[in-house]
Amino acid sequence: MVEAYENNDYKESIELAAQLLSKSDLPTLIRARCHMMLSLKKGSDLAVQHAEAAVEILDVEARELVSPDEFPQEHLEQARDCLRQAKEDAEKRKIKAEAVKQKGGPSRSEKGEQSKKK
């Protein structure tokens, strides 16, 4: 998953992250990484939720599993960066959607409804 991302194969990395999350026995840090990866998907309505899940997994679950000196602080900081980016992206999309709506154009969801009617 990380290798695919580092090789700029974003679609593959997203697919692998989603597949891995379906496994119930996934280790805590890998679960957090999968959520972080999914939070990077631009335009995803679930990006913020995935980033929040990564932060919670690391800040709550991982803290309970390791001693303070072994806690993966750098992973938590990366998850918080993902959350910040996801929130910024969501805000930009919201502003863009509002601008389109004010101009009288259909929103993304309205476009979907229009195509279903055809």
N, C-alpha and C. Protein backbone atom coordinates (compact mmCIF):
# COMPACT_ATOMS: atom_id res chain seq x y z
N MET A 1 0.83 -1.19 0.00
CA MET A 1 0.00 0.00 0.00
C MET A 1 0.88 1.26 0.00
N VAL A 2 1.81 1.33 0.93
CA VAL A 2 2.70 2.49 1.02
C VAL A 2 3.62 2.52 -0.20
N GLU A 3 4.09 1.35 -0.62
CA GLU A 3 4.96 1.28 -1.80
C GLU A 3 4.22 1.79 -3.04
N ALA A 4 2.96 1.39 -3.20
CA ALA A 4 2.17 1.86 -4.34
C ALA A 4 2.02 3.38 -4.29
N TYR A 5 1.78 3.91 -3.10
CA TYR A 5 1.65 5.36 -2.94
C TYR A 5 2.95 6.07 -3.29
N GLU A 6 4.06 5.54 -2.80
CA GLU A 6 5.37 6.15 -3.07
C GLU A 6 5.74 6.08 -4.55
N ASN A 7 5.17 5.09 -5.26
CA ASN A 7 5.39 4.97 -6.70
C ASN A 7 4.33 5.72 -7.50
N ASN A 8 3.61 6.60 -6.83
CA ASN A 8 2.58 7.44 -7.44
C ASN A 8 1.42 6.64 -8.03
N ASP A 9 1.22 5.44 -7.55
CA ASP A 9 0.07 4.64 -7.97
C ASP A 9 -1.02 4.81 -6.90
N TYR A 10 -1.63 5.98 -6.93
CA TYR A 10 -2.58 6.35 -5.88
C TYR A 10 -3.83 5.48 -5.89
N LYS A 11 -4.31 5.14 -7.08
CA LYS A 11 -5.50 4.30 -7.18
C LYS A 11 -5.25 2.95 -6.52
N GLU A 12 -4.11 2.35 -6.81
CA GLU A 12 -3.75 1.05 -6.23
C GLU A 12 -3.61 1.16 -4.71
N SER A 13 -2.98 2.22 -4.22
CA SER A 13 -2.79 2.37 -2.78
C SER A 13 -4.12 2.53 -2.06
N ILE A 14 -5.05 3.26 -2.67
CA ILE A 14 -6.39 3.44 -2.08
C ILE A 14 -7.13 2.10 -2.04
N GLU A 15 -7.06 1.36 -3.14
CA GLU A 15 -7.74 0.06 -3.20
C GLU A 15 -7.17 -0.91 -2.17
N LEU A 16 -5.85 -0.94 -2.04
CA LEU A 16 -5.22 -1.82 -1.05
C LEU A 16 -5.61 -1.43 0.37
N ALA A 17 -5.64 -0.14 0.65
CA ALA A 17 -6.03 0.33 1.98
C ALA A 17 -7.45 -0.11 2.31
N ALA A 18 -8.35 0.05 1.36
CA ALA A 18 -9.75 -0.35 1.58
C ALA A 18 -9.85 -1.86 1.80
N GLN A 19 -9.10 -2.64 1.03
CA GLN A 19 -9.11 -4.10 1.19
C GLN A 19 -8.57 -4.50 2.55
N LEU A 20 -7.48 -3.89 2.95
CA LEU A 20 -6.88 -4.22 4.24
C LEU A 20 -7.82 -3.93 5.40
N LEU A 21 -8.56 -2.83 5.31
CA LEU A 21 -9.47 -2.48 6.40
C LEU A 21 -10.59 -3.49 6.59
N SER A 22 -10.84 -4.31 5.59
CA SER A 22 -11.89 -5.33 5.72
C SER A 22 -11.44 -6.51 6.59
N LYS A 23 -10.16 -6.57 6.91
CA LYS A 23 -9.62 -7.66 7.73
C LYS A 23 -9.79 -7.32 9.21
N SER A 24 -10.40 -8.23 9.94
CA SER A 24 -10.70 -7.96 11.35
C SER A 24 -9.47 -8.04 12.25
N ASP A 25 -8.44 -8.75 11.83
CA ASP A 25 -7.26 -8.94 12.68
C ASP A 25 -6.10 -8.01 12.32
N LEU A 26 -6.42 -6.92 11.68
CA LEU A 26 -5.39 -5.97 11.23
C LEU A 26 -4.75 -5.27 12.44
N PRO A 27 -3.43 -5.23 12.51
CA PRO A 27 -2.76 -4.55 13.63
C PRO A 27 -3.14 -3.07 13.69
N THR A 28 -3.08 -2.52 14.87
CA THR A 28 -3.50 -1.15 15.13
C THR A 28 -2.82 -0.13 14.22
N LEU A 29 -1.50 -0.18 14.13
CA LEU A 29 -0.79 0.81 13.31
C LEU A 29 -1.13 0.68 11.83
N ILE A 30 -1.33 -0.53 11.35
CA ILE A 30 -1.68 -0.73 9.94
C ILE A 30 -3.09 -0.19 9.69
N ARG A 31 -4.00 -0.44 10.63
CA ARG A 31 -5.36 0.12 10.51
C ARG A 31 -5.32 1.63 10.42
N ALA A 32 -4.52 2.25 11.28
CA ALA A 32 -4.40 3.71 11.27
C ALA A 32 -3.83 4.18 9.93
N ARG A 33 -2.80 3.48 9.43
CA ARG A 33 -2.19 3.84 8.14
C ARG A 33 -3.20 3.72 7.00
N CYS A 34 -4.02 2.68 7.04
CA CYS A 34 -5.04 2.51 5.99
C CYS A 34 -6.01 3.69 6.00
N HIS A 35 -6.46 4.08 7.18
CA HIS A 35 -7.36 5.23 7.27
C HIS A 35 -6.66 6.51 6.79
N MET A 36 -5.39 6.65 7.13
CA MET A 36 -4.64 7.82 6.66
C MET A 36 -4.58 7.84 5.13
N MET A 37 -4.31 6.69 4.54
CA MET A 37 -4.23 6.59 3.08
C MET A 37 -5.57 6.96 2.45
N LEU A 38 -6.66 6.44 3.00
CA LEU A 38 -7.99 6.73 2.46
C LEU A 38 -8.37 8.19 2.66
N SER A 39 -7.82 8.82 3.66
CA SER A 39 -8.12 10.24 3.89
C SER A 39 -7.46 11.13 2.84
N LEU A 40 -6.47 10.60 2.13
CA LEU A 40 -5.76 11.38 1.12
C LEU A 40 -6.47 11.39 -0.23
N LYS A 41 -7.53 10.61 -0.36
CA LYS A 41 -8.25 10.55 -1.63
C LYS A 41 -8.99 11.87 -1.85
N LYS A 42 -8.52 12.62 -2.81
CA LYS A 42 -9.10 13.94 -3.10
C LYS A 42 -10.54 13.81 -3.56
N GLY A 43 -11.38 14.67 -3.05
CA GLY A 43 -12.78 14.68 -3.45
C GLY A 43 -13.63 13.65 -2.73
N SER A 44 -13.05 12.89 -1.82
CA SER A 44 -13.81 11.87 -1.11
C SER A 44 -14.64 12.52 0.00
N ASP A 45 -15.91 12.15 0.04
CA ASP A 45 -16.78 12.65 1.11
C ASP A 45 -16.43 12.03 2.45
N LEU A 46 -15.66 10.95 2.44
CA LEU A 46 -15.29 10.25 3.67
C LEU A 46 -13.88 10.55 4.15
N ALA A 47 -13.17 11.44 3.47
CA ALA A 47 -11.78 11.71 3.81
C ALA A 47 -11.62 12.19 5.25
N VAL A 48 -12.46 13.10 5.68
CA VAL A 48 -12.36 13.62 7.05
C VAL A 48 -12.62 12.50 8.06
N GLN A 49 -13.62 11.67 7.80
CA GLN A 49 -13.92 10.57 8.72
C GLN A 49 -12.76 9.58 8.80
N HIS A 50 -12.13 9.29 7.68
CA HIS A 50 -10.97 8.39 7.71
C HIS A 50 -9.82 9.00 8.50
N ALA A 51 -9.58 10.27 8.30
CA ALA A 51 -8.50 10.94 9.04
C ALA A 51 -8.80 10.97 10.54
N GLU A 52 -10.05 11.24 10.88
CA GLU A 52 -10.44 11.24 12.30
C GLU A 52 -10.26 9.86 12.90
N ALA A 53 -10.60 8.82 12.13
CA ALA A 53 -10.42 7.45 12.62
C ALA A 53 -8.94 7.16 12.87
N ALA A 54 -8.08 7.60 11.97
CA ALA A 54 -6.64 7.38 12.14
C ALA A 54 -6.13 8.06 13.40
N VAL A 55 -6.54 9.30 13.62
CA VAL A 55 -6.12 10.03 14.82
C VAL A 55 -6.62 9.31 16.07
N GLU A 56 -7.88 8.89 16.07
CA GLU A 56 -8.43 8.22 17.24
C GLU A 56 -7.73 6.88 17.51
N ILE A 57 -7.50 6.12 16.46
CA ILE A 57 -6.81 4.83 16.62
C ILE A 57 -5.44 5.03 17.26
N LEU A 58 -4.72 6.02 16.77
CA LEU A 58 -3.37 6.25 17.30
C LEU A 58 -3.41 6.88 18.69
N ASP A 59 -4.26 7.88 18.87
CA ASP A 59 -4.26 8.64 20.12
C ASP A 59 -4.92 7.89 21.27
N VAL A 60 -5.81 6.95 20.95
CA VAL A 60 -6.50 6.21 22.02
C VAL A 60 -6.00 4.76 22.08
N GLU A 61 -6.25 4.02 21.01
CA GLU A 61 -5.90 2.59 21.02
C GLU A 61 -4.40 2.34 21.14
N ALA A 62 -3.62 3.01 20.32
CA ALA A 62 -2.17 2.77 20.34
C ALA A 62 -1.56 3.19 21.67
N ARG A 63 -2.07 4.26 22.25
CA ARG A 63 -1.55 4.71 23.56
C ARG A 63 -1.74 3.65 24.63
N GLU A 64 -2.85 2.91 24.53
CA GLU A 64 -3.12 1.87 25.52
C GLU A 64 -2.24 0.64 25.33
N LEU A 65 -1.69 0.48 24.12
CA LEU A 65 -0.92 -0.73 23.81
C LEU A 65 0.56 -0.62 24.12
N VAL A 66 1.08 0.60 24.16
CA VAL A 66 2.53 0.76 24.34
C VAL A 66 2.82 1.74 25.47
N SER A 67 4.05 1.66 25.95
CA SER A 67 4.47 2.61 26.99
C SER A 67 4.69 3.98 26.35
N PRO A 68 4.65 5.04 27.15
CA PRO A 68 4.82 6.39 26.60
C PRO A 68 6.10 6.58 25.79
N ASP A 69 7.19 5.94 26.22
CA ASP A 69 8.45 6.12 25.47
C ASP A 69 8.46 5.34 24.15
N GLU A 70 7.54 4.40 23.97
CA GLU A 70 7.45 3.64 22.72
C GLU A 70 6.32 4.14 21.81
N PHE A 71 5.57 5.12 22.29
CA PHE A 71 4.42 5.61 21.51
C PHE A 71 4.89 6.21 20.19
N PRO A 72 4.23 5.84 19.08
CA PRO A 72 4.63 6.34 17.75
C PRO A 72 4.12 7.76 17.49
N GLN A 73 4.71 8.71 18.17
CA GLN A 73 4.28 10.11 18.07
C GLN A 73 4.31 10.63 16.63
N GLU A 74 5.32 10.21 15.86
CA GLU A 74 5.42 10.69 14.48
C GLU A 74 4.23 10.21 13.64
N HIS A 75 3.72 9.02 13.94
CA HIS A 75 2.54 8.53 13.22
C HIS A 75 1.31 9.37 13.58
N LEU A 76 1.20 9.72 14.85
CA LEU A 76 0.08 10.55 15.28
C LEU A 76 0.14 11.93 14.61
N GLU A 77 1.33 12.49 14.53
CA GLU A 77 1.48 13.80 13.87
C GLU A 77 1.11 13.70 12.39
N GLN A 78 1.50 12.61 11.75
CA GLN A 78 1.13 12.41 10.34
C GLN A 78 -0.38 12.29 10.19
N ALA A 79 -1.01 11.57 11.12
CA ALA A 79 -2.47 11.43 11.08
C ALA A 79 -3.15 12.78 11.27
N ARG A 80 -2.62 13.58 12.17
CA ARG A 80 -3.18 14.93 12.38
C ARG A 80 -3.00 15.79 11.13
N ASP A 81 -1.87 15.64 10.44
CA ASP A 81 -1.66 16.35 9.18
C ASP A 81 -2.68 15.91 8.13
N CYS A 82 -2.93 14.60 8.08
CA CYS A 82 -3.94 14.09 7.15
C CYS A 82 -5.31 14.68 7.47
N LEU A 83 -5.63 14.78 8.75
CA LEU A 83 -6.91 15.35 9.16
C LEU A 83 -7.00 16.82 8.76
N ARG A 84 -5.93 17.55 8.98
CA ARG A 84 -5.92 18.96 8.58
C ARG A 84 -6.12 19.10 7.08
N GLN A 85 -5.41 18.29 6.31
CA GLN A 85 -5.53 18.35 4.85
C GLN A 85 -6.94 17.96 4.39
N ALA A 86 -7.49 16.93 5.00
CA ALA A 86 -8.84 16.48 4.63
C ALA A 86 -9.88 17.56 4.93
N LYS A 87 -9.72 18.23 6.07
CA LYS A 87 -10.66 19.31 6.42
C LYS A 87 -10.51 20.48 5.46
N GLU A 88 -9.28 20.81 5.10
CA GLU A 88 -9.05 21.90 4.14
C GLU A 88 -9.68 21.56 2.79
N ASP A 89 -9.49 20.33 2.34
CA ASP A 89 -10.06 19.89 1.06
C ASP A 89 -11.59 19.93 1.11
N ALA A 90 -12.16 19.47 2.22
CA ALA A 90 -13.62 19.48 2.36
C ALA A 90 -14.15 20.91 2.35
N GLU A 91 -13.44 21.81 3.00
CA GLU A 91 -13.87 23.22 3.03
C GLU A 91 -13.80 23.83 1.63
N LYS A 92 -12.74 23.54 0.90
CA LYS A 92 -12.60 24.05 -0.47
C LYS A 92 -13.73 23.52 -1.35
N ARG A 93 -14.04 22.23 -1.21
CA ARG A 93 -15.12 21.66 -2.01
C ARG A 93 -16.46 22.28 -1.65
N LYS A 94 -16.65 22.56 -0.37
CA LYS A 94 -17.90 23.18 0.08
C LYS A 94 -18.03 24.59 -0.51
N ILE A 95 -16.96 25.36 -0.46
CA ILE A 95 -16.97 26.72 -1.02
C ILE A 95 -17.23 26.67 -2.51
N LYS A 96 -16.59 25.74 -3.20
CA LYS A 96 -16.77 25.61 -4.65
C LYS A 96 -18.21 25.22 -4.97
N ALA A 97 -18.78 24.30 -4.21
CA ALA A 97 -20.16 23.88 -4.44
C ALA A 97 -21.14 25.02 -4.20
N GLU A 98 -20.87 25.83 -3.17
CA GLU A 98 -21.73 26.98 -2.88
C GLU A 98 -21.64 28.01 -4.00
N ALA A 99 -20.45 28.21 -4.54
CA ALA A 99 -20.27 29.16 -5.64
C ALA A 99 -21.03 28.70 -6.88
N VAL A 100 -20.96 27.41 -7.17
CA VAL A 100 -21.69 26.86 -8.31
C VAL A 100 -23.19 27.02 -8.09
N LYS A 101 -23.63 26.76 -6.88
CA LYS A 101 -25.06 26.86 -6.56
C LYS A 101 -25.54 28.30 -6.70
N GLN A 102 -24.73 29.26 -6.27
CA GLN A 102 -25.11 30.67 -6.38
C GLN A 102 -25.20 31.11 -7.83
N LYS A 103 -24.38 30.50 -8.69
CA LYS A 103 -24.42 30.83 -10.12
C LYS A 103 -25.60 30.16 -10.81
N GLY A 104 -26.27 29.28 -10.11
CA GLY A 104 -27.44 28.63 -10.68
C GLY A 104 -27.15 27.29 -11.32
N GLY A 105 -25.92 26.84 -11.26
CA GLY A 105 -25.57 25.55 -11.82
C GLY A 105 -25.93 24.43 -10.86
N PRO A 106 -26.08 23.23 -11.39
CA PRO A 106 -26.43 22.10 -10.52
C PRO A 106 -25.25 21.69 -9.64
N SER A 107 -25.55 21.26 -8.45
CA SER A 107 -24.52 20.75 -7.56
C SER A 107 -24.14 19.34 -8.00
N ARG A 108 -23.12 18.79 -7.39
CA ARG A 108 -22.67 17.45 -7.73
C ARG A 108 -23.79 16.43 -7.51
N SER A 109 -24.51 16.54 -6.40
CA SER A 109 -25.58 15.60 -6.12
C SER A 109 -26.75 15.81 -7.07
N GLU A 110 -27.00 17.06 -7.43
CA GLU A 110 -28.07 17.33 -8.38
C GLU A 110 -27.73 16.78 -9.75
N LYS A 111 -26.46 16.84 -10.14
CA LYS A 111 -26.03 16.27 -11.42
C LYS A 111 -26.30 14.77 -11.42
N GLY A 112 -26.02 14.12 -10.30
CA GLY A 112 -26.26 12.69 -10.19
C GLY A 112 -27.73 12.36 -10.33
N GLU A 113 -28.58 13.17 -9.72
CA GLU A 113 -30.02 12.97 -9.83
C GLU A 113 -30.49 13.18 -11.25
N GLN A 114 -29.93 14.18 -11.93
CA GLN A 114 -30.32 14.45 -13.32
C GLN A 114 -29.94 13.29 -14.22
N SER A 115 -28.76 12.72 -14.01
CA SER A 115 -28.33 11.61 -14.87
C SER A 115 -29.15 10.36 -14.59
N LYS A 116 -29.65 10.18 -13.36
CA LYS A 116 -30.49 9.03 -13.03
C LYS A 116 -31.84 9.12 -13.74
N LYS A 117 -32.33 10.35 -13.93
CA LYS A 117 -33.63 10.55 -14.56
C LYS A 117 -33.60 10.27 -16.06
N LYS A 118 -32.42 10.38 -16.66
CA LYS A 118 -32.30 10.20 -18.12
C LYS A 118 -32.41 8.77 -18.55
